[in-house]
Full PDB file with SEQRES, HELIX, SHEET, SSBOND, CRYST1, ORIGX, SCALE, CONECT and MASTER records, all heavy atoms in Angstrom:
SEQRES   1 A   39  VAL PHE ALA LEU MET ASP GLY LEU ALA ALA PHE GLY VAL          
SEQRES   2 A   39  ASP LEU GLY PRO VAL GLN VAL MET LYS ASP ILE LEU PRO          
SEQRES   3 A   39  LEU SER SER MET GLY LEU GLN TRP ILE LEU PRO ALA LEU          
HELIX    1 AA1 PHE A    2  PHE A   11  1                                  10    
HELIX    2 AA2 PRO A   17  ASP A   23  1                                   7    
HELIX    3 AA3 SER A   28  MET A   30  5                                   3    
HELIX    4 AA4 ILE A   35  ALA A   38  1                                   4    
CRYST1    1.000    1.000    1.000  90.00  90.00  90.00 P 1           1          
ORIGX1      1.000000  0.000000  0.000000        0.00000                         
ORIGX2      0.000000  1.000000  0.000000        0.00000                         
ORIGX3      0.000000  0.000000  1.000000        0.00000                         
SCALE1      1.000000  0.000000  0.000000        0.00000                         
SCALE2      0.000000  1.000000  0.000000        0.00000                         
SCALE3      0.000000  0.000000  1.000000        0.00000                         
ATOM      1  N   VAL A   1      56.376 141.086  35.086  1.00  0.00           N  
ATOM      2  CA  VAL A   1      57.182 141.171  36.310  1.00  0.00           C  
ATOM      3  C   VAL A   1      56.886 142.476  37.049  1.00  0.00           C  
ATOM      4  O   VAL A   1      56.646 142.492  38.259  1.00  0.00           O  
ATOM      5  CB  VAL A   1      58.685 141.068  35.985  1.00  0.00           C  
ATOM      6  CG1 VAL A   1      59.527 141.421  37.205  1.00  0.00           C  
ATOM      7  CG2 VAL A   1      59.022 139.661  35.490  1.00  0.00           C  
ATOM      8  N   PHE A   2      56.863 143.586  36.298  1.00  0.00           N  
ATOM      9  CA  PHE A   2      56.659 144.893  36.940  1.00  0.00           C  
ATOM     10  C   PHE A   2      55.174 145.141  37.236  1.00  0.00           C  
ATOM     11  O   PHE A   2      54.837 145.831  38.204  1.00  0.00           O  
ATOM     12  CB  PHE A   2      57.240 145.994  36.050  1.00  0.00           C  
ATOM     13  CG  PHE A   2      58.742 145.988  36.045  1.00  0.00           C  
ATOM     14  CD1 PHE A   2      59.444 145.185  35.151  1.00  0.00           C  
ATOM     15  CD2 PHE A   2      59.467 146.737  36.956  1.00  0.00           C  
ATOM     16  CE1 PHE A   2      60.835 145.152  35.155  1.00  0.00           C  
ATOM     17  CE2 PHE A   2      60.847 146.713  36.975  1.00  0.00           C  
ATOM     18  CZ  PHE A   2      61.537 145.910  36.077  1.00  0.00           C  
ATOM     19  N   ALA A   3      54.293 144.581  36.403  1.00  0.00           N  
ATOM     20  CA  ALA A   3      52.867 144.683  36.695  1.00  0.00           C  
ATOM     21  C   ALA A   3      52.535 143.922  37.970  1.00  0.00           C  
ATOM     22  O   ALA A   3      51.731 144.365  38.804  1.00  0.00           O  
ATOM     23  CB  ALA A   3      52.049 144.136  35.530  1.00  0.00           C  
ATOM     24  N   LEU A   4      53.191 142.770  38.151  1.00  0.00           N  
ATOM     25  CA  LEU A   4      52.988 141.980  39.366  1.00  0.00           C  
ATOM     26  C   LEU A   4      53.479 142.732  40.602  1.00  0.00           C  
ATOM     27  O   LEU A   4      52.858 142.661  41.666  1.00  0.00           O  
ATOM     28  CB  LEU A   4      53.713 140.643  39.237  1.00  0.00           C  
ATOM     29  CG  LEU A   4      53.554 139.665  40.418  1.00  0.00           C  
ATOM     30  CD1 LEU A   4      52.090 139.320  40.626  1.00  0.00           C  
ATOM     31  CD2 LEU A   4      54.378 138.399  40.173  1.00  0.00           C  
ATOM     32  N   MET A   5      54.578 143.464  40.452  1.00  0.00           N  
ATOM     33  CA  MET A   5      55.073 144.286  41.572  1.00  0.00           C  
ATOM     34  C   MET A   5      54.018 145.306  41.988  1.00  0.00           C  
ATOM     35  O   MET A   5      53.775 145.530  43.187  1.00  0.00           O  
ATOM     36  CB  MET A   5      56.356 145.009  41.171  1.00  0.00           C  
ATOM     37  CG  MET A   5      57.563 144.123  41.017  1.00  0.00           C  
ATOM     38  SD  MET A   5      59.019 145.121  40.582  1.00  0.00           S  
ATOM     39  CE  MET A   5      60.171 143.814  40.136  1.00  0.00           C  
ATOM     40  N   ASP A   6      53.392 145.944  40.997  1.00  0.00           N  
ATOM     41  CA  ASP A   6      52.344 146.919  41.309  1.00  0.00           C  
ATOM     42  C   ASP A   6      51.172 146.243  42.020  1.00  0.00           C  
ATOM     43  O   ASP A   6      50.590 146.802  42.957  1.00  0.00           O  
ATOM     44  CB  ASP A   6      51.848 147.586  40.023  1.00  0.00           C  
ATOM     45  CG  ASP A   6      52.811 148.645  39.524  1.00  0.00           C  
ATOM     46  OD1 ASP A   6      53.682 149.071  40.301  1.00  0.00           O  
ATOM     47  OD2 ASP A   6      52.699 149.043  38.344  1.00  0.00           O  
ATOM     48  N   GLY A   7      50.823 145.039  41.544  1.00  0.00           N  
ATOM     49  CA  GLY A   7      49.733 144.310  42.169  1.00  0.00           C  
ATOM     50  C   GLY A   7      50.040 143.942  43.606  1.00  0.00           C  
ATOM     51  O   GLY A   7      49.187 144.084  44.491  1.00  0.00           O  
ATOM     52  N   LEU A   8      51.265 143.483  43.869  1.00  0.00           N  
ATOM     53  CA  LEU A   8      51.665 143.137  45.234  1.00  0.00           C  
ATOM     54  C   LEU A   8      51.677 144.367  46.134  1.00  0.00           C  
ATOM     55  O   LEU A   8      51.273 144.307  47.305  1.00  0.00           O  
ATOM     56  CB  LEU A   8      53.048 142.479  45.212  1.00  0.00           C  
ATOM     57  CG  LEU A   8      53.123 141.083  44.571  1.00  0.00           C  
ATOM     58  CD1 LEU A   8      54.571 140.628  44.457  1.00  0.00           C  
ATOM     59  CD2 LEU A   8      52.304 140.074  45.371  1.00  0.00           C  
ATOM     60  N   ALA A   9      52.159 145.496  45.580  1.00  0.00           N  
ATOM     61  CA  ALA A   9      52.155 146.740  46.350  1.00  0.00           C  
ATOM     62  C   ALA A   9      50.730 147.152  46.703  1.00  0.00           C  
ATOM     63  O   ALA A   9      50.462 147.641  47.812  1.00  0.00           O  
ATOM     64  CB  ALA A   9      52.853 147.841  45.551  1.00  0.00           C  
ATOM     65  N   ALA A  10      49.780 146.933  45.760  1.00  0.00           N  
ATOM     66  CA  ALA A  10      48.373 147.253  46.035  1.00  0.00           C  
ATOM     67  C   ALA A  10      47.801 146.337  47.115  1.00  0.00           C  
ATOM     68  O   ALA A  10      46.884 146.724  47.850  1.00  0.00           O  
ATOM     69  CB  ALA A  10      47.551 147.126  44.752  1.00  0.00           C  
ATOM     70  N   PHE A  11      48.341 145.132  47.224  1.00  0.00           N  
ATOM     71  CA  PHE A  11      47.939 144.226  48.296  1.00  0.00           C  
ATOM     72  C   PHE A  11      48.508 144.658  49.645  1.00  0.00           C  
ATOM     73  O   PHE A  11      48.114 144.158  50.691  1.00  0.00           O  
ATOM     74  CB  PHE A  11      48.421 142.800  48.004  1.00  0.00           C  
ATOM     75  CG  PHE A  11      47.396 141.931  47.355  1.00  0.00           C  
ATOM     76  CD1 PHE A  11      47.649 141.329  46.142  1.00  0.00           C  
ATOM     77  CD2 PHE A  11      46.173 141.690  47.966  1.00  0.00           C  
ATOM     78  CE1 PHE A  11      46.707 140.511  45.533  1.00  0.00           C  
ATOM     79  CE2 PHE A  11      45.225 140.873  47.373  1.00  0.00           C  
ATOM     80  CZ  PHE A  11      45.491 140.282  46.148  1.00  0.00           C  
ATOM     81  N   GLY A  12      49.495 145.570  49.608  1.00  0.00           N  
ATOM     82  CA  GLY A  12      50.137 146.009  50.842  1.00  0.00           C  
ATOM     83  C   GLY A  12      51.411 145.279  51.157  1.00  0.00           C  
ATOM     84  O   GLY A  12      51.941 145.368  52.274  1.00  0.00           O  
ATOM     85  N   VAL A  13      51.950 144.545  50.157  1.00  0.00           N  
ATOM     86  CA  VAL A  13      53.196 143.806  50.357  1.00  0.00           C  
ATOM     87  C   VAL A  13      54.378 144.766  50.278  1.00  0.00           C  
ATOM     88  O   VAL A  13      54.469 145.575  49.342  1.00  0.00           O  
ATOM     89  CB  VAL A  13      53.352 142.690  49.293  1.00  0.00           C  
ATOM     90  CG1 VAL A  13      54.696 141.981  49.457  1.00  0.00           C  
ATOM     91  CG2 VAL A  13      52.201 141.703  49.397  1.00  0.00           C  
ATOM     92  N   ASP A  14      55.274 144.689  51.232  1.00  0.00           N  
ATOM     93  CA  ASP A  14      56.472 145.533  51.243  1.00  0.00           C  
ATOM     94  C   ASP A  14      57.521 144.912  50.316  1.00  0.00           C  
ATOM     95  O   ASP A  14      58.042 143.825  50.587  1.00  0.00           O  
ATOM     96  CB  ASP A  14      57.019 145.637  52.670  1.00  0.00           C  
ATOM     97  CG  ASP A  14      58.225 146.584  52.757  1.00  0.00           C  
ATOM     98  OD1 ASP A  14      58.537 147.240  51.742  1.00  0.00           O  
ATOM     99  OD2 ASP A  14      58.842 146.660  53.838  1.00  0.00           O  
ATOM    100  N   LEU A  15      57.812 145.602  49.223  1.00  0.00           N  
ATOM    101  CA  LEU A  15      58.746 145.068  48.236  1.00  0.00           C  
ATOM    102  C   LEU A  15      60.204 145.335  48.589  1.00  0.00           C  
ATOM    103  O   LEU A  15      61.112 144.805  47.935  1.00  0.00           O  
ATOM    104  CB  LEU A  15      58.433 145.658  46.856  1.00  0.00           C  
ATOM    105  CG  LEU A  15      57.025 145.358  46.307  1.00  0.00           C  
ATOM    106  CD1 LEU A  15      56.821 146.062  44.964  1.00  0.00           C  
ATOM    107  CD2 LEU A  15      56.808 143.871  46.156  1.00  0.00           C  
ATOM    108  N   GLY A  16      60.449 146.178  49.578  1.00  0.00           N  
ATOM    109  CA  GLY A  16      61.814 146.436  50.031  1.00  0.00           C  
ATOM    110  C   GLY A  16      62.710 146.993  48.942  1.00  0.00           C  
ATOM    111  O   GLY A  16      62.340 147.949  48.237  1.00  0.00           O  
ATOM    112  N   PRO A  17      63.901 146.394  48.755  1.00  0.00           N  
ATOM    113  CA  PRO A  17      64.858 146.888  47.749  1.00  0.00           C  
ATOM    114  C   PRO A  17      64.299 146.860  46.326  1.00  0.00           C  
ATOM    115  O   PRO A  17      64.682 147.666  45.490  1.00  0.00           O  
ATOM    116  CB  PRO A  17      66.048 145.927  47.882  1.00  0.00           C  
ATOM    117  CG  PRO A  17      65.903 145.307  49.227  1.00  0.00           C  
ATOM    118  CD  PRO A  17      64.443 145.259  49.510  1.00  0.00           C  
ATOM    119  N   VAL A  18      63.400 145.920  46.084  1.00  0.00           N  
ATOM    120  CA  VAL A  18      62.805 145.818  44.740  1.00  0.00           C  
ATOM    121  C   VAL A  18      62.017 147.079  44.410  1.00  0.00           C  
ATOM    122  O   VAL A  18      62.022 147.554  43.275  1.00  0.00           O  
ATOM    123  CB  VAL A  18      61.891 144.575  44.647  1.00  0.00           C  
ATOM    124  CG1 VAL A  18      61.232 144.498  43.277  1.00  0.00           C  
ATOM    125  CG2 VAL A  18      62.683 143.309  44.926  1.00  0.00           C  
ATOM    126  N   GLN A  19      61.345 147.633  45.420  1.00  0.00           N  
ATOM    127  CA  GLN A  19      60.583 148.872  45.215  1.00  0.00           C  
ATOM    128  C   GLN A  19      61.511 150.016  44.811  1.00  0.00           C  
ATOM    129  O   GLN A  19      61.160 150.827  43.942  1.00  0.00           O  
ATOM    130  CB  GLN A  19      59.831 149.238  46.492  1.00  0.00           C  
ATOM    131  CG  GLN A  19      58.988 150.498  46.396  1.00  0.00           C  
ATOM    132  CD  GLN A  19      57.819 150.335  45.455  1.00  0.00           C  
ATOM    133  OE1 GLN A  19      57.172 149.290  45.434  1.00  0.00           O  
ATOM    134  NE2 GLN A  19      57.541 151.370  44.668  1.00  0.00           N  
ATOM    135  N   VAL A  20      62.673 150.066  45.413  1.00  0.00           N  
ATOM    136  CA  VAL A  20      63.643 151.114  45.071  1.00  0.00           C  
ATOM    137  C   VAL A  20      64.063 150.985  43.618  1.00  0.00           C  
ATOM    138  O   VAL A  20      64.145 151.967  42.878  1.00  0.00           O  
ATOM    139  CB  VAL A  20      64.882 151.015  45.986  1.00  0.00           C  
ATOM    140  CG1 VAL A  20      65.928 152.053  45.584  1.00  0.00           C  
ATOM    141  CG2 VAL A  20      64.475 151.214  47.448  1.00  0.00           C  
ATOM    142  N   MET A  21      64.317 149.741  43.177  1.00  0.00           N  
ATOM    143  CA  MET A  21      64.688 149.510  41.783  1.00  0.00           C  
ATOM    144  C   MET A  21      63.566 149.923  40.839  1.00  0.00           C  
ATOM    145  O   MET A  21      63.795 150.539  39.800  1.00  0.00           O  
ATOM    146  CB  MET A  21      65.014 148.028  41.586  1.00  0.00           C  
ATOM    147  CG  MET A  21      65.401 147.662  40.155  1.00  0.00           C  
ATOM    148  SD  MET A  21      65.462 145.889  39.869  1.00  0.00           S  
ATOM    149  CE  MET A  21      63.707 145.476  39.907  1.00  0.00           C  
ATOM    150  N   LYS A  22      62.336 149.602  41.230  1.00  0.00           N  
ATOM    151  CA  LYS A  22      61.183 149.950  40.402  1.00  0.00           C  
ATOM    152  C   LYS A  22      61.001 151.459  40.301  1.00  0.00           C  
ATOM    153  O   LYS A  22      60.653 151.990  39.237  1.00  0.00           O  
ATOM    154  CB  LYS A  22      59.925 149.305  40.994  1.00  0.00           C  
ATOM    155  CG  LYS A  22      58.670 149.465  40.158  1.00  0.00           C  
ATOM    156  CD  LYS A  22      57.552 148.593  40.684  1.00  0.00           C  
ATOM    157  CE  LYS A  22      56.969 149.132  41.965  1.00  0.00           C  
ATOM    158  NZ  LYS A  22      56.052 150.263  41.731  1.00  0.00           N  
ATOM    159  N   ASP A  23      61.276 152.156  41.403  1.00  0.00           N  
ATOM    160  CA  ASP A  23      61.041 153.597  41.442  1.00  0.00           C  
ATOM    161  C   ASP A  23      62.026 154.401  40.597  1.00  0.00           C  
ATOM    162  O   ASP A  23      61.749 155.560  40.268  1.00  0.00           O  
ATOM    163  CB  ASP A  23      61.097 154.093  42.892  1.00  0.00           C  
ATOM    164  CG  ASP A  23      59.889 153.639  43.699  1.00  0.00           C  
ATOM    165  OD1 ASP A  23      58.887 153.239  43.082  1.00  0.00           O  
ATOM    166  OD2 ASP A  23      59.953 153.685  44.950  1.00  0.00           O  
ATOM    167  N   ILE A  24      63.176 153.801  40.257  1.00  0.00           N  
ATOM    168  CA  ILE A  24      64.158 154.546  39.465  1.00  0.00           C  
ATOM    169  C   ILE A  24      63.889 154.433  37.968  1.00  0.00           C  
ATOM    170  O   ILE A  24      64.517 155.125  37.166  1.00  0.00           O  
ATOM    171  CB  ILE A  24      65.596 154.072  39.762  1.00  0.00           C  
ATOM    172  CG1 ILE A  24      65.795 152.622  39.321  1.00  0.00           C  
ATOM    173  CG2 ILE A  24      65.936 154.257  41.222  1.00  0.00           C  
ATOM    174  CD1 ILE A  24      67.228 152.133  39.469  1.00  0.00           C  
ATOM    175  N   LEU A  25      62.920 153.610  37.587  1.00  0.00           N  
ATOM    176  CA  LEU A  25      62.590 153.477  36.171  1.00  0.00           C  
ATOM    177  C   LEU A  25      61.873 154.724  35.667  1.00  0.00           C  
ATOM    178  O   LEU A  25      61.174 155.400  36.426  1.00  0.00           O  
ATOM    179  CB  LEU A  25      61.708 152.249  35.946  1.00  0.00           C  
ATOM    180  CG  LEU A  25      62.378 150.883  36.080  1.00  0.00           C  
ATOM    181  CD1 LEU A  25      61.329 149.782  36.029  1.00  0.00           C  
ATOM    182  CD2 LEU A  25      63.407 150.684  34.972  1.00  0.00           C  
ATOM    183  N   PRO A  26      62.036 155.028  34.368  1.00  0.00           N  
ATOM    184  CA  PRO A  26      61.330 156.190  33.793  1.00  0.00           C  
ATOM    185  C   PRO A  26      59.817 156.052  33.960  1.00  0.00           C  
ATOM    186  O   PRO A  26      59.273 154.950  33.873  1.00  0.00           O  
ATOM    187  CB  PRO A  26      61.730 156.136  32.311  1.00  0.00           C  
ATOM    188  CG  PRO A  26      63.001 155.356  32.278  1.00  0.00           C  
ATOM    189  CD  PRO A  26      62.909 154.360  33.396  1.00  0.00           C  
ATOM    190  N   LEU A  27      59.160 157.171  34.224  1.00  0.00           N  
ATOM    191  CA  LEU A  27      57.702 157.270  34.347  1.00  0.00           C  
ATOM    192  C   LEU A  27      57.148 156.568  35.589  1.00  0.00           C  
ATOM    193  O   LEU A  27      55.933 156.401  35.717  1.00  0.00           O  
ATOM    194  CB  LEU A  27      57.000 156.707  33.095  1.00  0.00           C  
ATOM    195  CG  LEU A  27      57.422 157.316  31.750  1.00  0.00           C  
ATOM    196  CD1 LEU A  27      56.697 156.625  30.605  1.00  0.00           C  
ATOM    197  CD2 LEU A  27      57.131 158.807  31.723  1.00  0.00           C  
ATOM    198  N   SER A  28      58.017 156.173  36.521  1.00  0.00           N  
ATOM    199  CA  SER A  28      57.532 155.478  37.721  1.00  0.00           C  
ATOM    200  C   SER A  28      56.630 156.380  38.566  1.00  0.00           C  
ATOM    201  O   SER A  28      55.689 155.900  39.205  1.00  0.00           O  
ATOM    202  CB  SER A  28      58.708 154.978  38.560  1.00  0.00           C  
ATOM    203  OG  SER A  28      59.503 156.066  39.010  1.00  0.00           O  
ATOM    204  N   SER A  29      56.901 157.683  38.549  1.00  0.00           N  
ATOM    205  CA  SER A  29      56.077 158.606  39.332  1.00  0.00           C  
ATOM    206  C   SER A  29      54.646 158.666  38.823  1.00  0.00           C  
ATOM    207  O   SER A  29      53.732 159.069  39.541  1.00  0.00           O  
ATOM    208  CB  SER A  29      56.688 160.012  39.307  1.00  0.00           C  
ATOM    209  OG  SER A  29      56.743 160.511  37.980  1.00  0.00           O  
ATOM    210  N   MET A  30      54.442 158.270  37.572  1.00  0.00           N  
ATOM    211  CA  MET A  30      53.105 158.263  36.976  1.00  0.00           C  
ATOM    212  C   MET A  30      52.463 156.877  37.021  1.00  0.00           C  
ATOM    213  O   MET A  30      51.372 156.676  36.504  1.00  0.00           O  
ATOM    214  CB  MET A  30      53.166 158.729  35.516  1.00  0.00           C  
ATOM    215  CG  MET A  30      53.695 160.124  35.328  1.00  0.00           C  
ATOM    216  SD  MET A  30      53.739 160.557  33.575  1.00  0.00           S  
ATOM    217  CE  MET A  30      54.398 162.225  33.635  1.00  0.00           C  
ATOM    218  N   GLY A  31      53.158 155.908  37.582  1.00  0.00           N  
ATOM    219  CA  GLY A  31      52.641 154.549  37.601  1.00  0.00           C  
ATOM    220  C   GLY A  31      52.808 153.827  36.285  1.00  0.00           C  
ATOM    221  O   GLY A  31      52.141 152.819  36.020  1.00  0.00           O  
ATOM    222  N   LEU A  32      53.719 154.332  35.442  1.00  0.00           N  
ATOM    223  CA  LEU A  32      53.931 153.744  34.113  1.00  0.00           C  
ATOM    224  C   LEU A  32      55.331 153.150  33.976  1.00  0.00           C  
ATOM    225  O   LEU A  32      55.882 153.088  32.886  1.00  0.00           O  
ATOM    226  CB  LEU A  32      53.715 154.812  33.025  1.00  0.00           C  
ATOM    227  CG  LEU A  32      52.336 155.465  32.976  1.00  0.00           C  
ATOM    228  CD1 LEU A  32      52.327 156.587  31.949  1.00  0.00           C  
ATOM    229  CD2 LEU A  32      51.256 154.442  32.647  1.00  0.00           C  
ATOM    230  N   GLN A  33      55.893 152.693  35.086  1.00  0.00           N  
ATOM    231  CA  GLN A  33      57.246 152.160  35.044  1.00  0.00           C  
ATOM    232  C   GLN A  33      57.357 150.869  34.225  1.00  0.00           C  
ATOM    233  O   GLN A  33      58.451 150.443  33.884  1.00  0.00           O  
ATOM    234  CB  GLN A  33      57.761 151.898  36.466  1.00  0.00           C  
ATOM    235  CG  GLN A  33      57.023 150.847  37.254  1.00  0.00           C  
ATOM    236  CD  GLN A  33      55.735 151.350  37.847  1.00  0.00           C  
ATOM    237  OE1 GLN A  33      55.515 152.557  37.960  1.00  0.00           O  
ATOM    238  NE2 GLN A  33      54.850 150.439  38.213  1.00  0.00           N  
ATOM    239  N   TRP A  34      56.222 150.269  33.897  1.00  0.00           N  
ATOM    240  CA  TRP A  34      56.222 149.038  33.110  1.00  0.00           C  
ATOM    241  C   TRP A  34      56.504 149.282  31.624  1.00  0.00           C  
ATOM    242  O   TRP A  34      56.784 148.323  30.881  1.00  0.00           O  
ATOM    243  CB  TRP A  34      54.878 148.329  33.254  1.00  0.00           C  
ATOM    244  CG  TRP A  34      53.704 149.189  32.890  1.00  0.00           C  
ATOM    245  CD1 TRP A  34      52.970 149.965  33.735  1.00  0.00           C  
ATOM    246  CD2 TRP A  34      53.144 149.390  31.580  1.00  0.00           C  
ATOM    247  NE1 TRP A  34      51.990 150.641  33.046  1.00  0.00           N  
ATOM    248  CE2 TRP A  34      52.072 150.300  31.734  1.00  0.00           C  
ATOM    249  CE3 TRP A  34      53.437 148.892  30.319  1.00  0.00           C  
ATOM    250  CZ2 TRP A  34      51.303 150.709  30.647  1.00  0.00           C  
ATOM    251  CZ3 TRP A  34      52.680 149.295  29.237  1.00  0.00           C  
ATOM    252  CH2 TRP A  34      51.617 150.195  29.406  1.00  0.00           C  
ATOM    253  N   ILE A  35      56.449 150.525  31.164  1.00  0.00           N  
ATOM    254  CA  ILE A  35      56.591 150.804  29.734  1.00  0.00           C  
ATOM    255  C   ILE A  35      57.977 150.435  29.221  1.00  0.00           C  
ATOM    256  O   ILE A  35      58.113 149.770  28.174  1.00  0.00           O  
ATOM    257  CB  ILE A  35      56.271 152.288  29.438  1.00  0.00           C  
ATOM    258  CG1 ILE A  35      54.772 152.536  29.599  1.00  0.00           C  
ATOM    259  CG2 ILE A  35      56.716 152.661  28.021  1.00  0.00           C  
ATOM    260  CD1 ILE A  35      54.335 153.951  29.297  1.00  0.00           C  
ATOM    261  N   LEU A  36      59.038 150.837  29.924  1.00  0.00           N  
ATOM    262  CA  LEU A  36      60.390 150.505  29.478  1.00  0.00           C  
ATOM    263  C   LEU A  36      60.615 148.991  29.449  1.00  0.00           C  
ATOM    264  O   LEU A  36      61.113 148.457  28.439  1.00  0.00           O  
ATOM    265  CB  LEU A  36      61.431 151.196  30.368  1.00  0.00           C  
ATOM    266  CG  LEU A  36      62.897 150.926  29.998  1.00  0.00           C  
ATOM    267  CD1 LEU A  36      63.180 151.381  28.567  1.00  0.00           C  
ATOM    268  CD2 LEU A  36      63.842 151.624  30.978  1.00  0.00           C  
ATOM    269  N   PRO A  37      60.269 148.244  30.514  1.00  0.00           N  
ATOM    270  CA  PRO A  37      60.394 146.788  30.432  1.00  0.00           C  
ATOM    271  C   PRO A  37      59.592 146.173  29.284  1.00  0.00           C  
ATOM    272  O   PRO A  37      60.045 145.208  28.664  1.00  0.00           O  
ATOM    273  CB  PRO A  37      59.857 146.309  31.789  1.00  0.00           C  
ATOM    274  CG  PRO A  37      60.092 147.450  32.704  1.00  0.00           C  
ATOM    275  CD  PRO A  37      59.881 148.677  31.876  1.00  0.00           C  
ATOM    276  N   ALA A  38      58.427 146.742  29.001  1.00  0.00           N  
ATOM    277  CA  ALA A  38      57.627 146.224  27.885  1.00  0.00           C  
ATOM    278  C   ALA A  38      58.355 146.402  26.560  1.00  0.00           C  
ATOM    279  O   ALA A  38      58.366 145.500  25.711  1.00  0.00           O  
ATOM    280  CB  ALA A  38      56.274 146.936  27.842  1.00  0.00           C  
ATOM    281  N   LEU A  39      58.965 147.573  26.375  1.00  0.00           N  
ATOM    282  CA  LEU A  39      59.719 147.825  25.143  1.00  0.00           C  
ATOM    283  C   LEU A  39      60.941 146.907  25.048  1.00  0.00           C  
ATOM    284  O   LEU A  39      61.251 146.368  23.976  1.00  0.00           O  
ATOM    285  CB  LEU A  39      60.153 149.289  25.096  1.00  0.00           C  
ATOM    286  CG  LEU A  39      59.024 150.318  24.960  1.00  0.00           C  
ATOM    287  CD1 LEU A  39      59.583 151.738  25.089  1.00  0.00           C  
ATOM    288  CD2 LEU A  39      58.298 150.153  23.625  1.00  0.00           C  
TER     289      LEU A  39                                                      
MASTER        0    0    0    4    0    0    0    6  288    1    0    3          
END                                                                             
């Protein structure tokens, strides 16, 4: 789910509120926000 968000963002898709939710996850500044969902 979160890897797909990164892929859509790379396509230039505006994720809107979803992007805000993704950005509050740990390690999001490093592009590793998928780690917590994976665990």
